[in-house]
Amino acid sequence: SSLRFLEALRGSHCESWLVTNAHQAG
């Protein structure tokens, strides 16, 4: 359900940011 959650956020008033420790190549 994570992608469904992202879709719901996109239709909301909230700004959604991905904030990750992942290295750019990964």
mmCIF file of all heavy atoms, coordinates in Angstrom:
data_MODEL
# 
_entry.id   MODEL 
# 
loop_
_atom_site.group_PDB 
_atom_site.id 
_atom_site.type_symbol 
_atom_site.label_atom_id 
_atom_site.label_alt_id 
_atom_site.label_comp_id 
_atom_site.label_asym_id 
_atom_site.label_entity_id 
_atom_site.label_seq_id 
_atom_site.pdbx_PDB_ins_code 
_atom_site.Cartn_x 
_atom_site.Cartn_y 
_atom_site.Cartn_z 
_atom_site.occupancy 
_atom_site.B_iso_or_equiv 
_atom_site.pdbx_formal_charge 
_atom_site.auth_seq_id 
_atom_site.auth_comp_id 
_atom_site.auth_asym_id 
_atom_site.auth_atom_id 
_atom_site.pdbx_PDB_model_num 
ATOM 1   N N   . SER A 1 1  ? 0.800  -1.235 0.000   1.00 0.00 ? 1  SER A N   1 
ATOM 2   C CA  . SER A 1 1  ? 0.000  0.000  0.000   1.00 0.00 ? 1  SER A CA  1 
ATOM 3   C C   . SER A 1 1  ? 0.831  1.282  0.000   1.00 0.00 ? 1  SER A C   1 
ATOM 4   O O   . SER A 1 1  ? 0.265  2.372  0.076   1.00 0.00 ? 1  SER A O   1 
ATOM 5   C CB  . SER A 1 1  ? -1.019 0.018  1.155   1.00 0.00 ? 1  SER A CB  1 
ATOM 6   O OG  . SER A 1 1  ? -0.410 0.191  2.417   1.00 0.00 ? 1  SER A OG  1 
ATOM 7   N N   . SER A 1 2  ? 2.162  1.183  -0.117  1.00 0.00 ? 2  SER A N   1 
ATOM 8   C CA  . SER A 1 2  ? 2.969  2.414  -0.079  1.00 0.00 ? 2  SER A CA  1 
ATOM 9   C C   . SER A 1 2  ? 2.718  3.293  -1.300  1.00 0.00 ? 2  SER A C   1 
ATOM 10  O O   . SER A 1 2  ? 2.650  4.524  -1.187  1.00 0.00 ? 2  SER A O   1 
ATOM 11  C CB  . SER A 1 2  ? 4.454  2.090  0.060   1.00 0.00 ? 2  SER A CB  1 
ATOM 12  O OG  . SER A 1 2  ? 4.938  1.372  -1.057  1.00 0.00 ? 2  SER A OG  1 
ATOM 13  N N   . LEU A 1 3  ? 2.560  2.689  -2.474  1.00 0.00 ? 3  LEU A N   1 
ATOM 14  C CA  . LEU A 1 3  ? 2.312  3.496  -3.673  1.00 0.00 ? 3  LEU A CA  1 
ATOM 15  C C   . LEU A 1 3  ? 0.905  4.099  -3.638  1.00 0.00 ? 3  LEU A C   1 
ATOM 16  O O   . LEU A 1 3  ? 0.696  5.225  -4.110  1.00 0.00 ? 3  LEU A O   1 
ATOM 17  C CB  . LEU A 1 3  ? 2.515  2.653  -4.928  1.00 0.00 ? 3  LEU A CB  1 
ATOM 18  C CG  . LEU A 1 3  ? 3.933  2.066  -5.105  1.00 0.00 ? 3  LEU A CG  1 
ATOM 19  C CD1 . LEU A 1 3  ? 4.064  1.381  -6.449  1.00 0.00 ? 3  LEU A CD1 1 
ATOM 20  C CD2 . LEU A 1 3  ? 5.012  3.133  -4.935  1.00 0.00 ? 3  LEU A CD2 1 
ATOM 21  N N   . ARG A 1 4  ? -0.043 3.386  -3.062  1.00 0.00 ? 4  ARG A N   1 
ATOM 22  C CA  . ARG A 1 4  ? -1.391 3.938  -2.899  1.00 0.00 ? 4  ARG A CA  1 
ATOM 23  C C   . ARG A 1 4  ? -1.351 5.141  -1.956  1.00 0.00 ? 4  ARG A C   1 
ATOM 24  O O   . ARG A 1 4  ? -2.045 6.143  -2.163  1.00 0.00 ? 4  ARG A O   1 
ATOM 25  C CB  . ARG A 1 4  ? -2.314 2.842  -2.364  1.00 0.00 ? 4  ARG A CB  1 
ATOM 26  C CG  . ARG A 1 4  ? -3.768 3.238  -2.266  1.00 0.00 ? 4  ARG A CG  1 
ATOM 27  C CD  . ARG A 1 4  ? -4.697 2.030  -2.234  1.00 0.00 ? 4  ARG A CD  1 
ATOM 28  N NE  . ARG A 1 4  ? -4.374 1.104  -1.161  1.00 0.00 ? 4  ARG A NE  1 
ATOM 29  C CZ  . ARG A 1 4  ? -3.966 -0.159 -1.377  1.00 0.00 ? 4  ARG A CZ  1 
ATOM 30  N NH1 . ARG A 1 4  ? -3.791 -0.625 -2.601  1.00 0.00 ? 4  ARG A NH1 1 
ATOM 31  N NH2 . ARG A 1 4  ? -3.721 -0.957 -0.353  1.00 0.00 ? 4  ARG A NH2 1 
ATOM 32  N N   . PHE A 1 5  ? -0.526 5.055  -0.925  1.00 0.00 ? 5  PHE A N   1 
ATOM 33  C CA  . PHE A 1 5  ? -0.357 6.167  0.004   1.00 0.00 ? 5  PHE A CA  1 
ATOM 34  C C   . PHE A 1 5  ? 0.257  7.373  -0.707  1.00 0.00 ? 5  PHE A C   1 
ATOM 35  O O   . PHE A 1 5  ? -0.191 8.513  -0.526  1.00 0.00 ? 5  PHE A O   1 
ATOM 36  C CB  . PHE A 1 5  ? 0.531  5.719  1.160   1.00 0.00 ? 5  PHE A CB  1 
ATOM 37  C CG  . PHE A 1 5  ? 0.849  6.777  2.169   1.00 0.00 ? 5  PHE A CG  1 
ATOM 38  C CD1 . PHE A 1 5  ? -0.124 7.258  3.034   1.00 0.00 ? 5  PHE A CD1 1 
ATOM 39  C CD2 . PHE A 1 5  ? 2.136  7.290  2.269   1.00 0.00 ? 5  PHE A CD2 1 
ATOM 40  C CE1 . PHE A 1 5  ? 0.167  8.229  3.980   1.00 0.00 ? 5  PHE A CE1 1 
ATOM 41  C CE2 . PHE A 1 5  ? 2.444  8.264  3.209   1.00 0.00 ? 5  PHE A CE2 1 
ATOM 42  C CZ  . PHE A 1 5  ? 1.459  8.739  4.060   1.00 0.00 ? 5  PHE A CZ  1 
ATOM 43  N N   . LEU A 1 6  ? 1.269  7.143  -1.540  1.00 0.00 ? 6  LEU A N   1 
ATOM 44  C CA  . LEU A 1 6  ? 1.887  8.238  -2.289  1.00 0.00 ? 6  LEU A CA  1 
ATOM 45  C C   . LEU A 1 6  ? 0.873  8.901  -3.219  1.00 0.00 ? 6  LEU A C   1 
ATOM 46  O O   . LEU A 1 6  ? 0.874  10.124 -3.385  1.00 0.00 ? 6  LEU A O   1 
ATOM 47  C CB  . LEU A 1 6  ? 3.082  7.720  -3.089  1.00 0.00 ? 6  LEU A CB  1 
ATOM 48  C CG  . LEU A 1 6  ? 4.316  7.319  -2.294  1.00 0.00 ? 6  LEU A CG  1 
ATOM 49  C CD1 . LEU A 1 6  ? 5.368  6.712  -3.217  1.00 0.00 ? 6  LEU A CD1 1 
ATOM 50  C CD2 . LEU A 1 6  ? 4.904  8.498  -1.538  1.00 0.00 ? 6  LEU A CD2 1 
ATOM 51  N N   . GLU A 1 7  ? 0.035  8.088  -3.835  1.00 0.00 ? 7  GLU A N   1 
ATOM 52  C CA  . GLU A 1 7  ? -0.982 8.634  -4.726  1.00 0.00 ? 7  GLU A CA  1 
ATOM 53  C C   . GLU A 1 7  ? -1.966 9.509  -3.952  1.00 0.00 ? 7  GLU A C   1 
ATOM 54  O O   . GLU A 1 7  ? -2.358 10.585 -4.416  1.00 0.00 ? 7  GLU A O   1 
ATOM 55  C CB  . GLU A 1 7  ? -1.727 7.496  -5.429  1.00 0.00 ? 7  GLU A CB  1 
ATOM 56  C CG  . GLU A 1 7  ? -2.736 7.950  -6.464  1.00 0.00 ? 7  GLU A CG  1 
ATOM 57  C CD  . GLU A 1 7  ? -2.095 8.649  -7.652  1.00 0.00 ? 7  GLU A CD  1 
ATOM 58  O OE1 . GLU A 1 7  ? -0.939 8.340  -7.994  1.00 0.00 ? 7  GLU A OE1 1 
ATOM 59  O OE2 . GLU A 1 7  ? -2.773 9.520  -8.249  1.00 0.00 ? 7  GLU A OE2 1 
ATOM 60  N N   . ALA A 1 8  ? -2.347 9.072  -2.758  1.00 0.00 ? 8  ALA A N   1 
ATOM 61  C CA  . ALA A 1 8  ? -3.250 9.870  -1.925  1.00 0.00 ? 8  ALA A CA  1 
ATOM 62  C C   . ALA A 1 8  ? -2.584 11.171 -1.498  1.00 0.00 ? 8  ALA A C   1 
ATOM 63  O O   . ALA A 1 8  ? -3.229 12.234 -1.476  1.00 0.00 ? 8  ALA A O   1 
ATOM 64  C CB  . ALA A 1 8  ? -3.687 9.064  -0.708  1.00 0.00 ? 8  ALA A CB  1 
ATOM 65  N N   . LEU A 1 9  ? -1.311 11.117 -1.169  1.00 0.00 ? 9  LEU A N   1 
ATOM 66  C CA  . LEU A 1 9  ? -0.592 12.337 -0.795  1.00 0.00 ? 9  LEU A CA  1 
ATOM 67  C C   . LEU A 1 9  ? -0.540 13.329 -1.957  1.00 0.00 ? 9  LEU A C   1 
ATOM 68  O O   . LEU A 1 9  ? -0.660 14.536 -1.762  1.00 0.00 ? 9  LEU A O   1 
ATOM 69  C CB  . LEU A 1 9  ? 0.838  11.989 -0.358  1.00 0.00 ? 9  LEU A CB  1 
ATOM 70  C CG  . LEU A 1 9  ? 1.039  11.492 1.065   1.00 0.00 ? 9  LEU A CG  1 
ATOM 71  C CD1 . LEU A 1 9  ? 2.483  11.061 1.267   1.00 0.00 ? 9  LEU A CD1 1 
ATOM 72  C CD2 . LEU A 1 9  ? 0.654  12.564 2.092   1.00 0.00 ? 9  LEU A CD2 1 
ATOM 73  N N   . ARG A 1 10 ? -0.360 12.797 -3.163  1.00 0.00 ? 10 ARG A N   1 
ATOM 74  C CA  . ARG A 1 10 ? -0.261 13.685 -4.328  1.00 0.00 ? 10 ARG A CA  1 
ATOM 75  C C   . ARG A 1 10 ? -1.547 14.476 -4.538  1.00 0.00 ? 10 ARG A C   1 
ATOM 76  O O   . ARG A 1 10 ? -1.512 15.608 -5.035  1.00 0.00 ? 10 ARG A O   1 
ATOM 77  C CB  . ARG A 1 10 ? 0.077  12.868 -5.579  1.00 0.00 ? 10 ARG A CB  1 
ATOM 78  C CG  . ARG A 1 10 ? 0.301  13.732 -6.812  1.00 0.00 ? 10 ARG A CG  1 
ATOM 79  C CD  . ARG A 1 10 ? 0.915  12.966 -7.944  1.00 0.00 ? 10 ARG A CD  1 
ATOM 80  N NE  . ARG A 1 10 ? 0.041  11.909 -8.438  1.00 0.00 ? 10 ARG A NE  1 
ATOM 81  C CZ  . ARG A 1 10 ? 0.286  11.198 -9.540  1.00 0.00 ? 10 ARG A CZ  1 
ATOM 82  N NH1 . ARG A 1 10 ? 1.392  11.432 -10.242 1.00 0.00 ? 10 ARG A NH1 1 
ATOM 83  N NH2 . ARG A 1 10 ? -0.540 10.250 -9.922  1.00 0.00 ? 10 ARG A NH2 1 
ATOM 84  N N   . GLY A 1 11 ? -2.674 13.895 -4.142  1.00 0.00 ? 11 GLY A N   1 
ATOM 85  C CA  . GLY A 1 11 ? -3.947 14.594 -4.294  1.00 0.00 ? 11 GLY A CA  1 
ATOM 86  C C   . GLY A 1 11 ? -4.333 15.430 -3.093  1.00 0.00 ? 11 GLY A C   1 
ATOM 87  O O   . GLY A 1 11 ? -5.434 15.990 -3.061  1.00 0.00 ? 11 GLY A O   1 
ATOM 88  N N   . SER A 1 12 ? -3.429 15.526 -2.109  1.00 0.00 ? 12 SER A N   1 
ATOM 89  C CA  . SER A 1 12 ? -3.735 16.264 -0.876  1.00 0.00 ? 12 SER A CA  1 
ATOM 90  C C   . SER A 1 12 ? -3.045 17.625 -0.875  1.00 0.00 ? 12 SER A C   1 
ATOM 91  O O   . SER A 1 12 ? -2.340 17.991 -1.813  1.00 0.00 ? 12 SER A O   1 
ATOM 92  C CB  . SER A 1 12 ? -3.271 15.451 0.334   1.00 0.00 ? 12 SER A CB  1 
ATOM 93  O OG  . SER A 1 12 ? -1.856 15.547 0.492   1.00 0.00 ? 12 SER A OG  1 
ATOM 94  N N   . HIS A 1 13 ? -3.217 18.355 0.222   1.00 0.00 ? 13 HIS A N   1 
ATOM 95  C CA  . HIS A 1 13 ? -2.575 19.664 0.374   1.00 0.00 ? 13 HIS A CA  1 
ATOM 96  C C   . HIS A 1 13 ? -1.111 19.542 0.792   1.00 0.00 ? 13 HIS A C   1 
ATOM 97  O O   . HIS A 1 13 ? -0.380 20.533 0.807   1.00 0.00 ? 13 HIS A O   1 
ATOM 98  C CB  . HIS A 1 13 ? -3.319 20.485 1.438   1.00 0.00 ? 13 HIS A CB  1 
ATOM 99  C CG  . HIS A 1 13 ? -3.129 19.956 2.829   1.00 0.00 ? 13 HIS A CG  1 
ATOM 100 N ND1 . HIS A 1 13 ? -3.808 18.846 3.300   1.00 0.00 ? 13 HIS A ND1 1 
ATOM 101 C CD2 . HIS A 1 13 ? -2.312 20.349 3.848   1.00 0.00 ? 13 HIS A CD2 1 
ATOM 102 C CE1 . HIS A 1 13 ? -3.430 18.602 4.542   1.00 0.00 ? 13 HIS A CE1 1 
ATOM 103 N NE2 . HIS A 1 13 ? -2.524 19.501 4.899   1.00 0.00 ? 13 HIS A NE2 1 
ATOM 104 N N   . CYS A 1 14 ? -0.666 18.333 1.139   1.00 0.00 ? 14 CYS A N   1 
ATOM 105 C CA  . CYS A 1 14 ? 0.692  18.149 1.690   1.00 0.00 ? 14 CYS A CA  1 
ATOM 106 C C   . CYS A 1 14 ? 1.752  18.104 0.589   1.00 0.00 ? 14 CYS A C   1 
ATOM 107 O O   . CYS A 1 14 ? 1.515  17.580 -0.495  1.00 0.00 ? 14 CYS A O   1 
ATOM 108 C CB  . CYS A 1 14 ? 0.761  16.847 2.482   1.00 0.00 ? 14 CYS A CB  1 
ATOM 109 S SG  . CYS A 1 14 ? -0.321 16.770 3.912   1.00 0.00 ? 14 CYS A SG  1 
ATOM 110 N N   . GLU A 1 15 ? 2.918  18.627 0.927   1.00 0.00 ? 15 GLU A N   1 
ATOM 111 C CA  . GLU A 1 15 ? 4.110  18.391 0.108   1.00 0.00 ? 15 GLU A CA  1 
ATOM 112 C C   . GLU A 1 15 ? 4.747  17.086 0.563   1.00 0.00 ? 15 GLU A C   1 
ATOM 113 O O   . GLU A 1 15 ? 4.865  16.831 1.765   1.00 0.00 ? 15 GLU A O   1 
ATOM 114 C CB  . GLU A 1 15 ? 5.126  19.531 0.252   1.00 0.00 ? 15 GLU A CB  1 
ATOM 115 C CG  . GLU A 1 15 ? 4.848  20.712 -0.621  1.00 0.00 ? 15 GLU A CG  1 
ATOM 116 C CD  . GLU A 1 15 ? 6.114  21.533 -0.881  1.00 0.00 ? 15 GLU A CD  1 
ATOM 117 O OE1 . GLU A 1 15 ? 7.215  21.134 -0.440  1.00 0.00 ? 15 GLU A OE1 1 
ATOM 118 O OE2 . GLU A 1 15 ? 5.978  22.581 -1.527  1.00 0.00 ? 15 GLU A OE2 1 
ATOM 119 N N   . SER A 1 16 ? 5.185  16.270 -0.388  1.00 0.00 ? 16 SER A N   1 
ATOM 120 C CA  . SER A 1 16 ? 5.782  14.974 -0.071  1.00 0.00 ? 16 SER A CA  1 
ATOM 121 C C   . SER A 1 16 ? 7.231  14.960 -0.547  1.00 0.00 ? 16 SER A C   1 
ATOM 122 O O   . SER A 1 16 ? 7.499  15.190 -1.728  1.00 0.00 ? 16 SER A O   1 
ATOM 123 C CB  . SER A 1 16 ? 5.001  13.848 -0.761  1.00 0.00 ? 16 SER A CB  1 
ATOM 124 O OG  . SER A 1 16 ? 3.634  13.928 -0.452  1.00 0.00 ? 16 SER A OG  1 
ATOM 125 N N   . TRP A 1 17 ? 8.133  14.683 0.387   1.00 0.00 ? 17 TRP A N   1 
ATOM 126 C CA  . TRP A 1 17 ? 9.553  14.612 0.061   1.00 0.00 ? 17 TRP A CA  1 
ATOM 127 C C   . TRP A 1 17 ? 10.081 13.227 0.401   1.00 0.00 ? 17 TRP A C   1 
ATOM 128 O O   . TRP A 1 17 ? 9.733  12.661 1.449   1.00 0.00 ? 17 TRP A O   1 
ATOM 129 C CB  . TRP A 1 17 ? 10.370 15.609 0.886   1.00 0.00 ? 17 TRP A CB  1 
ATOM 130 C CG  . TRP A 1 17 ? 9.967  17.046 0.813   1.00 0.00 ? 17 TRP A CG  1 
ATOM 131 C CD1 . TRP A 1 17 ? 8.915  17.600 0.125   1.00 0.00 ? 17 TRP A CD1 1 
ATOM 132 C CD2 . TRP A 1 17 ? 10.609 18.130 1.486   1.00 0.00 ? 17 TRP A CD2 1 
ATOM 133 N NE1 . TRP A 1 17 ? 8.866  18.952 0.332   1.00 0.00 ? 17 TRP A NE1 1 
ATOM 134 C CE2 . TRP A 1 17 ? 9.903  19.306 1.164   1.00 0.00 ? 17 TRP A CE2 1 
ATOM 135 C CE3 . TRP A 1 17 ? 11.712 18.217 2.329   1.00 0.00 ? 17 TRP A CE3 1 
ATOM 136 C CZ2 . TRP A 1 17 ? 10.270 20.558 1.661   1.00 0.00 ? 17 TRP A CZ2 1 
ATOM 137 C CZ3 . TRP A 1 17 ? 12.080 19.457 2.828   1.00 0.00 ? 17 TRP A CZ3 1 
ATOM 138 C CH2 . TRP A 1 17 ? 11.370 20.613 2.486   1.00 0.00 ? 17 TRP A CH2 1 
ATOM 139 N N   . LEU A 1 18 ? 10.917 12.692 -0.457  1.00 0.00 ? 18 LEU A N   1 
ATOM 140 C CA  . LEU A 1 18 ? 11.691 11.496 -0.112  1.00 0.00 ? 18 LEU A CA  1 
ATOM 141 C C   . LEU A 1 18 ? 13.003 11.981 0.493   1.00 0.00 ? 18 LEU A C   1 
ATOM 142 O O   . LEU A 1 18 ? 13.728 12.773 -0.124  1.00 0.00 ? 18 LEU A O   1 
ATOM 143 C CB  . LEU A 1 18 ? 11.969 10.652 -1.356  1.00 0.00 ? 18 LEU A CB  1 
ATOM 144 C CG  . LEU A 1 18 ? 12.594 9.281  -1.081  1.00 0.00 ? 18 LEU A CG  1 
ATOM 145 C CD1 . LEU A 1 18 ? 11.543 8.331  -0.511  1.00 0.00 ? 18 LEU A CD1 1 
ATOM 146 C CD2 . LEU A 1 18 ? 13.183 8.689  -2.354  1.00 0.00 ? 18 LEU A CD2 1 
ATOM 147 N N   . VAL A 1 19 ? 13.296 11.536 1.705   1.00 0.00 ? 19 VAL A N   1 
ATOM 148 C CA  . VAL A 1 19 ? 14.532 11.924 2.394   1.00 0.00 ? 19 VAL A CA  1 
ATOM 149 C C   . VAL A 1 19 ? 15.223 10.623 2.780   1.00 0.00 ? 19 VAL A C   1 
ATOM 150 O O   . VAL A 1 19 ? 14.796 9.923  3.703   1.00 0.00 ? 19 VAL A O   1 
ATOM 151 C CB  . VAL A 1 19 ? 14.239 12.803 3.628   1.00 0.00 ? 19 VAL A CB  1 
ATOM 152 C CG1 . VAL A 1 19 ? 15.538 13.238 4.286   1.00 0.00 ? 19 VAL A CG1 1 
ATOM 153 C CG2 . VAL A 1 19 ? 13.408 14.024 3.228   1.00 0.00 ? 19 VAL A CG2 1 
ATOM 154 N N   . THR A 1 20 ? 16.287 10.297 2.078   1.00 0.00 ? 20 THR A N   1 
ATOM 155 C CA  . THR A 1 20 ? 16.882 8.968  2.185   1.00 0.00 ? 20 THR A CA  1 
ATOM 156 C C   . THR A 1 20 ? 18.373 9.025  2.462   1.00 0.00 ? 20 THR A C   1 
ATOM 157 O O   . THR A 1 20 ? 19.066 9.946  2.013   1.00 0.00 ? 20 THR A O   1 
ATOM 158 C CB  . THR A 1 20 ? 16.634 8.165  0.887   1.00 0.00 ? 20 THR A CB  1 
ATOM 159 O OG1 . THR A 1 20 ? 17.286 6.893  0.974   1.00 0.00 ? 20 THR A OG1 1 
ATOM 160 C CG2 . THR A 1 20 ? 17.141 8.894  -0.352  1.00 0.00 ? 20 THR A CG2 1 
ATOM 161 N N   . ASN A 1 21 ? 18.859 8.034  3.185   1.00 0.00 ? 21 ASN A N   1 
ATOM 162 C CA  . ASN A 1 21 ? 20.304 7.854  3.368   1.00 0.00 ? 21 ASN A CA  1 
ATOM 163 C C   . ASN A 1 21 ? 20.944 7.141  2.181   1.00 0.00 ? 21 ASN A C   1 
ATOM 164 O O   . ASN A 1 21 ? 22.162 6.980  2.149   1.00 0.00 ? 21 ASN A O   1 
ATOM 165 C CB  . ASN A 1 21 ? 20.570 7.033  4.632   1.00 0.00 ? 21 ASN A CB  1 
ATOM 166 C CG  . ASN A 1 21 ? 20.625 7.884  5.889   1.00 0.00 ? 21 ASN A CG  1 
ATOM 167 O OD1 . ASN A 1 21 ? 21.073 9.023  5.878   1.00 0.00 ? 21 ASN A OD1 1 
ATOM 168 N ND2 . ASN A 1 21 ? 20.172 7.320  7.003   1.00 0.00 ? 21 ASN A ND2 1 
ATOM 169 N N   . ALA A 1 22 ? 20.133 6.686  1.234   1.00 0.00 ? 22 ALA A N   1 
ATOM 170 C CA  . ALA A 1 22 ? 20.677 5.919  0.112   1.00 0.00 ? 22 ALA A CA  1 
ATOM 171 C C   . ALA A 1 22 ? 21.673 6.746  -0.694  1.00 0.00 ? 22 ALA A C   1 
ATOM 172 O O   . ALA A 1 22 ? 21.475 7.941  -0.928  1.00 0.00 ? 22 ALA A O   1 
ATOM 173 C CB  . ALA A 1 22 ? 19.548 5.442  -0.797  1.00 0.00 ? 22 ALA A CB  1 
ATOM 174 N N   . HIS A 1 23 ? 22.738 6.093  -1.126  1.00 0.00 ? 23 HIS A N   1 
ATOM 175 C CA  . HIS A 1 23 ? 23.700 6.702  -2.035  1.00 0.00 ? 23 HIS A CA  1 
ATOM 176 C C   . HIS A 1 23 ? 23.040 6.909  -3.394  1.00 0.00 ? 23 HIS A C   1 
ATOM 177 O O   . HIS A 1 23 ? 22.164 6.136  -3.795  1.00 0.00 ? 23 HIS A O   1 
ATOM 178 C CB  . HIS A 1 23 ? 24.919 5.781  -2.152  1.00 0.00 ? 23 HIS A CB  1 
ATOM 179 C CG  . HIS A 1 23 ? 26.026 6.339  -2.979  1.00 0.00 ? 23 HIS A CG  1 
ATOM 180 N ND1 . HIS A 1 23 ? 26.153 6.060  -4.322  1.00 0.00 ? 23 HIS A ND1 1 
ATOM 181 C CD2 . HIS A 1 23 ? 27.072 7.142  -2.670  1.00 0.00 ? 23 HIS A CD2 1 
ATOM 182 C CE1 . HIS A 1 23 ? 27.235 6.661  -4.793  1.00 0.00 ? 23 HIS A CE1 1 
ATOM 183 N NE2 . HIS A 1 23 ? 27.797 7.333  -3.806  1.00 0.00 ? 23 HIS A NE2 1 
ATOM 184 N N   . GLN A 1 24 ? 23.463 7.935  -4.115  1.00 0.00 ? 24 GLN A N   1 
ATOM 185 C CA  . GLN A 1 24 ? 22.808 8.269  -5.384  1.00 0.00 ? 24 GLN A CA  1 
ATOM 186 C C   . GLN A 1 24 ? 22.816 7.099  -6.366  1.00 0.00 ? 24 GLN A C   1 
ATOM 187 O O   . GLN A 1 24 ? 21.818 6.861  -7.064  1.00 0.00 ? 24 GLN A O   1 
ATOM 188 C CB  . GLN A 1 24 ? 23.474 9.496  -6.024  1.00 0.00 ? 24 GLN A CB  1 
ATOM 189 C CG  . GLN A 1 24 ? 22.735 10.018 -7.243  1.00 0.00 ? 24 GLN A CG  1 
ATOM 190 C CD  . GLN A 1 24 ? 21.354 10.564 -6.913  1.00 0.00 ? 24 GLN A CD  1 
ATOM 191 O OE1 . GLN A 1 24 ? 21.199 11.352 -5.980  1.00 0.00 ? 24 GLN A OE1 1 
ATOM 192 N NE2 . GLN A 1 24 ? 20.342 10.156 -7.677  1.00 0.00 ? 24 GLN A NE2 1 
ATOM 193 N N   . ALA A 1 25 ? 23.903 6.349  -6.405  1.00 0.00 ? 25 ALA A N   1 
ATOM 194 C CA  . ALA A 1 25 ? 23.967 5.226  -7.349  1.00 0.00 ? 25 ALA A CA  1 
ATOM 195 C C   . ALA A 1 25 ? 22.929 4.160  -7.006  1.00 0.00 ? 25 ALA A C   1 
ATOM 196 O O   . ALA A 1 25 ? 22.298 3.583  -7.904  1.00 0.00 ? 25 ALA A O   1 
ATOM 197 C CB  . ALA A 1 25 ? 25.366 4.618  -7.346  1.00 0.00 ? 25 ALA A CB  1 
ATOM 198 N N   . GLY A 1 26 ? 22.739 3.903  -5.716  1.00 0.00 ? 26 GLY A N   1 
ATOM 199 C CA  . GLY A 1 26 ? 21.716 2.953  -5.307  1.00 0.00 ? 26 GLY A CA  1 
ATOM 200 C C   . GLY A 1 26 ? 20.319 3.499  -5.530  1.00 0.00 ? 26 GLY A C   1 
ATOM 201 O O   . GLY A 1 26 ? 19.404 2.762  -5.934  1.00 0.00 ? 26 GLY A O   1 
# 
